[in-house]
PDB file of N, CA and C in Angstrom:
ATOM      1  N   UNK A   1      97.670 116.723  88.847  1.00  0.00           N
ATOM      2  CA  UNK A   1      97.090 116.280  90.196  1.00  0.00           C
ATOM      3  C   UNK A   1      97.652 117.018  91.402  1.00  0.00           C
ATOM      4  N   UNK A   2      98.605 117.818  91.146  1.00  0.00           N
ATOM      5  CA  UNK A   2      99.053 118.764  92.260  1.00  0.00           C
ATOM      6  C   UNK A   2      98.004 119.545  92.837  1.00  0.00           C
ATOM      7  N   UNK A   3      97.306 120.164  92.056  1.00  0.00           N
ATOM      8  CA  UNK A   3      96.173 121.141  92.572  1.00  0.00           C
ATOM      9  C   UNK A   3      95.105 120.500  93.092  1.00  0.00           C
ATOM     10  N   UNK A   4      94.774 119.205  92.614  1.00  0.00           N
ATOM     11  CA  UNK A   4      93.751 118.459  93.228  1.00  0.00           C
ATOM     12  C   UNK A   4      94.214 117.860  94.791  1.00  0.00           C
ATOM     13  N   UNK A   5      95.487 117.773  94.838  1.00  0.00           N
ATOM     14  CA  UNK A   5      95.952 117.332  96.052  1.00  0.00           C
ATOM     15  C   UNK A   5      95.793 118.389  97.227  1.00  0.00           C
ATOM     16  N   UNK A   6      96.269 119.588  96.752  1.00  0.00           N
ATOM     17  CA  UNK A   6      96.111 120.833  97.388  1.00  0.00           C
ATOM     18  C   UNK A   6      94.585 121.075  97.971  1.00  0.00           C
ATOM     19  N   UNK A   7      93.773 120.999  96.941  1.00  0.00           N
ATOM     20  CA  UNK A   7      92.328 121.254  97.323  1.00  0.00           C
ATOM     21  C   UNK A   7      91.833 120.300  98.258  1.00  0.00           C
ATOM     22  N   UNK A   8      92.194 118.909  98.009  1.00  0.00           N
ATOM     23  CA  UNK A   8      91.661 117.861  98.934  1.00  0.00           C
ATOM     24  C   UNK A   8      92.565 117.255  99.816  1.00  0.00           C
ATOM     25  N   UNK A   9      93.506 118.063 100.477  1.00  0.00           N
ATOM     26  CA  UNK A   9      94.561 117.684 101.151  1.00  0.00           C
ATOM     27  C   UNK A   9      94.257 117.022 102.388  1.00  0.00           C
ATOM     28  N   UNK A  10      93.048 117.315 103.009  1.00  0.00           N
ATOM     29  CA  UNK A  10      92.824 116.746 104.427  1.00  0.00           C
ATOM     30  C   UNK A  10      92.482 115.226 104.117  1.00  0.00           C
ATOM     31  N   UNK A  11      91.680 114.819 103.241  1.00  0.00           N
ATOM     32  CA  UNK A  11      91.417 113.354 102.995  1.00  0.00           C
ATOM     33  C   UNK A  11      92.548 112.702 102.480  1.00  0.00           C
ATOM     34  N   UNK A  12      93.427 113.441 101.634  1.00  0.00           N
ATOM     35  CA  UNK A  12      94.716 112.809 101.079  1.00  0.00           C
ATOM     36  C   UNK A  12      95.579 112.408 102.103  1.00  0.00           C
ATOM     37  N   UNK A  13      95.793 113.423 103.255  1.00  0.00           N
ATOM     38  CA  UNK A  13      96.842 113.139 104.217  1.00  0.00           C
ATOM     39  C   UNK A  13      96.237 112.028 105.096  1.00  0.00           C
ATOM     40  N   UNK A  14      95.062 111.977 105.355  1.00  0.00           N
ATOM     41  CA  UNK A  14      94.508 110.943 106.026  1.00  0.00           C
ATOM     42  C   UNK A  14      94.888 109.632 105.449  1.00  0.00           C
ATOM     43  N   UNK A  15      94.573 109.497 104.187  1.00  0.00           N
ATOM     44  CA  UNK A  15      94.751 108.289 103.313  1.00  0.00           C
ATOM     45  C   UNK A  15      96.247 107.866 103.307  1.00  0.00           C
ATOM     46  N   UNK A  16      97.257 108.804 103.149  1.00  0.00           N
ATOM     47  CA  UNK A  16      98.414 108.444 103.279  1.00  0.00           C
ATOM     48  C   UNK A  16      98.865 107.921 104.750  1.00  0.00           C
ATOM     49  N   UNK A  17      98.429 108.556 105.703  1.00  0.00           N
ATOM     50  CA  UNK A  17      98.702 108.190 107.027  1.00  0.00           C
ATOM     51  C   UNK A  17      98.131 106.812 107.425  1.00  0.00           C
ATOM     52  N   UNK A  18      96.820 106.459 106.803  1.00  0.00           N
ATOM     53  CA  UNK A  18      96.433 105.103 106.995  1.00  0.00           C
ATOM     54  C   UNK A  18      97.218 104.050 106.210  1.00  0.00           C
ATOM     55  N   UNK A  19      97.694 104.316 105.147  1.00  0.00           N
ATOM     56  CA  UNK A  19      98.554 103.320 104.314  1.00  0.00           C
ATOM     57  C   UNK A  19      99.741 103.099 105.064  1.00  0.00           C
ATOM     58  N   UNK A  20     100.365 104.249 105.582  1.00  0.00           N
ATOM     59  CA  UNK A  20     101.853 104.147 106.290  1.00  0.00           C
ATOM     60  C   UNK A  20     101.530 103.228 107.507  1.00  0.00           C
ATOM     61  N   UNK A  21     100.475 103.445 108.260  1.00  0.00           N
ATOM     62  CA  UNK A  21     100.243 102.740 109.504  1.00  0.00           C
ATOM     63  C   UNK A  21      99.881 101.249 109.231  1.00  0.00           C
ATOM     64  N   UNK A  22      99.355 100.786 108.257  1.00  0.00           N
ATOM     65  CA  UNK A  22      99.118  99.576 107.893  1.00  0.00           C
ATOM     66  C   UNK A  22     100.365  98.954 107.570  1.00  0.00           C
ATOM     67  N   UNK A  23     101.380  99.605 106.988  1.00  0.00           N
ATOM     68  CA  UNK A  23     102.726  99.168 106.619  1.00  0.00           C
ATOM     69  C   UNK A  23     103.473  98.823 107.755  1.00  0.00           C
ATOM     70  N   UNK A  24     103.446  99.598 108.939  1.00  0.00           N
ATOM     71  CA  UNK A  24     104.304  99.431 109.971  1.00  0.00           C
ATOM     72  C   UNK A  24     103.553  98.893 111.210  1.00  0.00           C
ATOM     73  N   UNK A  25     102.484  98.533 111.203  1.00  0.00           N
ATOM     74  CA  UNK A  25     101.679  98.066 112.371  1.00  0.00           C
ATOM     75  C   UNK A  25     102.096  96.488 112.555  1.00  0.00           C
ATOM     76  N   UNK A  26     102.800  95.865 111.676  1.00  0.00           N
ATOM     77  CA  UNK A  26     103.321  94.344 112.079  1.00  0.00           C
ATOM     78  C   UNK A  26     102.372  93.391 111.746  1.00  0.00           C
ATOM     79  N   UNK A  27     101.088  93.735 111.372  1.00  0.00           N
ATOM     80  CA  UNK A  27     100.129  92.791 111.217  1.00  0.00           C
ATOM     81  C   UNK A  27     100.227  92.138 109.656  1.00  0.00           C
ATOM     82  N   UNK A  28     100.041  90.788 109.531  1.00  0.00           N
ATOM     83  CA  UNK A  28     100.188  90.316 108.117  1.00  0.00           C
ATOM     84  C   UNK A  28      98.933  90.818 107.239  1.00  0.00           C
ATOM     85  N   UNK A  29      99.505  91.169 106.078  1.00  0.00           N
ATOM     86  CA  UNK A  29      98.460  91.842 105.264  1.00  0.00           C
ATOM     87  C   UNK A  29      98.065  90.796 104.129  1.00  0.00           C
ATOM     88  N   UNK A  30      98.645  89.633 104.144  1.00  0.00           N
ATOM     89  CA  UNK A  30      98.418  88.642 103.066  1.00  0.00           C
ATOM     90  C   UNK A  30      97.037  87.938 103.412  1.00  0.00           C
ATOM     91  N   UNK A  31      96.227  87.781 102.455  1.00  0.00           N
ATOM     92  CA  UNK A  31      94.999  87.052 102.822  1.00  0.00           C
ATOM     93  C   UNK A  31      95.201  85.495 102.482  1.00  0.00           C
ATOM     94  N   UNK A  32      94.463  84.757 103.196  1.00  0.00           N
ATOM     95  CA  UNK A  32      94.582  83.273 102.926  1.00  0.00           C
ATOM     96  C   UNK A  32      94.354  82.836 101.555  1.00  0.00           C
ATOM     97  N   UNK A  33      94.999  81.883 101.042  1.00  0.00           N
ATOM     98  CA  UNK A  33      94.761  81.476  99.520  1.00  0.00           C
ATOM     99  C   UNK A  33      93.307  81.172  99.423  1.00  0.00           C
ATOM    100  N   UNK A  34      92.721  81.304  98.250  1.00  0.00           N
ATOM    101  CA  UNK A  34      91.229  80.889  98.006  1.00  0.00           C
ATOM    102  C   UNK A  34      91.244  79.841  96.873  1.00  0.00           C
ATOM    103  N   UNK A  35      90.477  78.868  97.293  1.00  0.00           N
ATOM    104  CA  UNK A  35      90.284  77.886  96.228  1.00  0.00           C
ATOM    105  C   UNK A  35      88.941  77.928  95.582  1.00  0.00           C
ATOM    106  N   UNK A  36      88.786  78.429  94.343  1.00  0.00           N
ATOM    107  CA  UNK A  36      87.562  78.639  93.821  1.00  0.00           C
ATOM    108  C   UNK A  36      86.805  77.360  93.384  1.00  0.00           C
ATOM    109  N   UNK A  37      85.554  77.206  93.402  1.00  0.00           N
ATOM    110  CA  UNK A  37      84.817  76.032  93.163  1.00  0.00           C
ATOM    111  C   UNK A  37      84.935  75.514  91.653  1.00  0.00           C
ATOM    112  N   UNK A  38      84.990  74.345  91.596  1.00  0.00           N
ATOM    113  CA  UNK A  38      85.201  73.872  90.054  1.00  0.00           C
ATOM    114  C   UNK A  38      84.210  74.405  88.926  1.00  0.00           C
ATOM    115  N   UNK A  39      83.096  74.956  89.563  1.00  0.00           N
ATOM    116  CA  UNK A  39      82.076  75.605  88.545  1.00  0.00           C
ATOM    117  C   UNK A  39      82.620  76.872  87.866  1.00  0.00           C
ATOM    118  N   UNK A  40      83.560  77.543  88.666  1.00  0.00           N
ATOM    119  CA  UNK A  40      84.190  78.750  88.131  1.00  0.00           C
ATOM    120  C   UNK A  40      85.386  78.533  87.158  1.00  0.00           C
ATOM    121  N   UNK A  41      85.752  77.365  86.930  1.00  0.00           N
ATOM    122  CA  UNK A  41      86.991  77.024  86.007  1.00  0.00           C
ATOM    123  C   UNK A  41      86.449  77.299  84.663  1.00  0.00           C
ATOM    124  N   UNK A  42      87.375  77.891  83.947  1.00  0.00           N
ATOM    125  CA  UNK A  42      87.322  78.124  82.481  1.00  0.00           C
ATOM    126  C   UNK A  42      87.340  76.831  81.676  1.00  0.00           C
ATOM    127  N   UNK A  43      86.583  76.620  80.772  1.00  0.00           N
ATOM    128  CA  UNK A  43      86.486  75.509  79.937  1.00  0.00           C
ATOM    129  C   UNK A  43      87.343  75.812  78.578  1.00  0.00           C
ATOM    130  N   UNK A  44      87.076  77.028  78.200  1.00  0.00           N
ATOM    131  CA  UNK A  44      87.698  77.647  77.002  1.00  0.00           C
ATOM    132  C   UNK A  44      88.288  78.845  77.304  1.00  0.00           C
ATOM    133  N   UNK A  45      89.661  78.974  77.295  1.00  0.00           N
ATOM    134  CA  UNK A  45      90.298  80.282  77.627  1.00  0.00           C
ATOM    135  C   UNK A  45      90.004  81.258  76.467  1.00  0.00           C
ATOM    136  N   UNK A  46      89.701  82.573  76.850  1.00  0.00           N
ATOM    137  CA  UNK A  46      89.590  83.649  75.881  1.00  0.00           C
ATOM    138  C   UNK A  46      90.793  83.939  75.089  1.00  0.00           C
ATOM    139  N   UNK A  47      90.670  84.290  73.835  1.00  0.00           N
ATOM    140  CA  UNK A  47      91.790  84.762  73.135  1.00  0.00           C
ATOM    141  C   UNK A  47      91.664  85.869  72.596  1.00  0.00           C
ATOM    142  N   UNK A  48      92.725  86.723  72.405  1.00  0.00           N
ATOM    143  CA  UNK A  48      92.533  88.247  71.925  1.00  0.00           C
ATOM    144  C   UNK A  48      92.328  88.094  70.371  1.00  0.00           C
ATOM    145  N   UNK A  49      91.456  88.880  69.890  1.00  0.00           N
ATOM    146  CA  UNK A  49      91.310  89.070  68.408  1.00  0.00           C
ATOM    147  C   UNK A  49      92.078  90.238  67.977  1.00  0.00           C
ATOM    148  N   UNK A  50      93.277  89.977  67.676  1.00  0.00           N
ATOM    149  CA  UNK A  50      94.144  91.077  67.240  1.00  0.00           C
ATOM    150  C   UNK A  50      93.605  91.817  65.904  1.00  0.00           C
ATOM    151  N   UNK A  51      93.189  91.053  65.045  1.00  0.00           N
ATOM    152  CA  UNK A  51      92.776  91.797  63.796  1.00  0.00           C
ATOM    153  C   UNK A  51      91.524  92.591  64.045  1.00  0.00           C
ATOM    154  N   UNK A  52      90.769  92.257  64.979  1.00  0.00           N
ATOM    155  CA  UNK A  52      89.539  93.154  65.236  1.00  0.00           C
ATOM    156  C   UNK A  52      90.096  94.364  65.797  1.00  0.00           C
ATOM    157  N   UNK A  53      90.931  94.376  66.777  1.00  0.00           N
ATOM    158  CA  UNK A  53      91.562  95.571  67.388  1.00  0.00           C
ATOM    159  C   UNK A  53      92.243  96.387  66.509  1.00  0.00           C
ATOM    160  N   UNK A  54      93.013  95.751  65.582  1.00  0.00           N
ATOM    161  CA  UNK A  54      93.799  96.587  64.510  1.00  0.00           C
ATOM    162  C   UNK A  54      92.796  97.288  63.717  1.00  0.00           C
ATOM    163  N   UNK A  55      91.642  96.625  63.292  1.00  0.00           N
ATOM    164  CA  UNK A  55      90.842  97.369  62.329  1.00  0.00           C
ATOM    165  C   UNK A  55      90.016  98.430  63.058  1.00  0.00           C
ATOM    166  N   UNK A  56      89.840  98.303  64.349  1.00  0.00           N
ATOM    167  CA  UNK A  56      89.082  99.447  65.022  1.00  0.00           C
ATOM    168  C   UNK A  56      89.965 100.524  65.211  1.00  0.00           C
ATOM    169  N   UNK A  57      91.359 100.278  65.421  1.00  0.00           N
ATOM    170  CA  UNK A  57      92.379 101.345  65.574  1.00  0.00           C
ATOM    171  C   UNK A  57      92.464 102.100  64.239  1.00  0.00           C
ATOM    172  N   UNK A  58      92.471 101.343  63.165  1.00  0.00           N
ATOM    173  CA  UNK A  58      92.766 101.957  61.935  1.00  0.00           C
ATOM    174  C   UNK A  58      91.626 102.840  61.462  1.00  0.00           C
ATOM    175  N   UNK A  59      90.310 102.335  61.926  1.00  0.00           N
ATOM    176  CA  UNK A  59      89.197 103.007  61.553  1.00  0.00           C
ATOM    177  C   UNK A  59      88.949 104.355  62.430  1.00  0.00           C
ATOM    178  N   UNK A  60      89.643 104.465  63.359  1.00  0.00           N
ATOM    179  CA  UNK A  60      89.429 105.704  64.222  1.00  0.00           C
ATOM    180  C   UNK A  60      90.794 106.413  64.410  1.00  0.00           C
ATOM    181  N   UNK A  61      91.707 106.324  63.470  1.00  0.00           N
ATOM    182  CA  UNK A  61      92.936 107.035  63.269  1.00  0.00           C
ATOM    183  C   UNK A  61      92.787 108.501  63.349  1.00  0.00           C
ATOM    184  N   UNK A  62      92.603 109.009  64.485  1.00  0.00           N
ATOM    185  CA  UNK A  62      92.650 110.597  64.724  1.00  0.00           C
ATOM    186  C   UNK A  62      93.719 110.945  65.660  1.00  0.00           C
ATOM    187  N   UNK A  63      94.139 112.190  65.390  1.00  0.00           N
ATOM    188  CA  UNK A  63      95.178 112.681  66.307  1.00  0.00           C
ATOM    189  C   UNK A  63      94.584 113.312  67.521  1.00  0.00           C
ATOM    190  N   UNK A  64      95.263 112.986  68.559  1.00  0.00           N
ATOM    191  CA  UNK A  64      94.786 113.393  69.944  1.00  0.00           C
ATOM    192  C   UNK A  64      95.798 114.469  70.433  1.00  0.00           C
ATOM    193  N   UNK A  65      95.458 115.477  71.050  1.00  0.00           N
ATOM    194  CA  UNK A  65      96.276 116.431  71.715  1.00  0.00           C
ATOM    195  C   UNK A  65      97.181 115.634  72.673  1.00  0.00           C
ATOM    196  N   UNK A  66      98.448 115.985  72.542  1.00  0.00           N
ATOM    197  CA  UNK A  66      99.437 115.438  73.385  1.00  0.00           C
ATOM    198  C   UNK A  66     100.457 116.415  73.841  1.00  0.00           C
TER     199      UNK A  66
END
């Protein structure tokens, strides 16, 4: 990432300054709580299918460069 930052230093510097300004300007950053409508409530919570993921991982067991 270091070389990328050097190449694009102008917008990166601007972004960092913007973030720092937001931290010190004293304005609250918390948004008001949102109450979603009842239609968006889950009736059945999703569950992870661990066996499926294990089977996919075993089927594609390849070594990656690290």
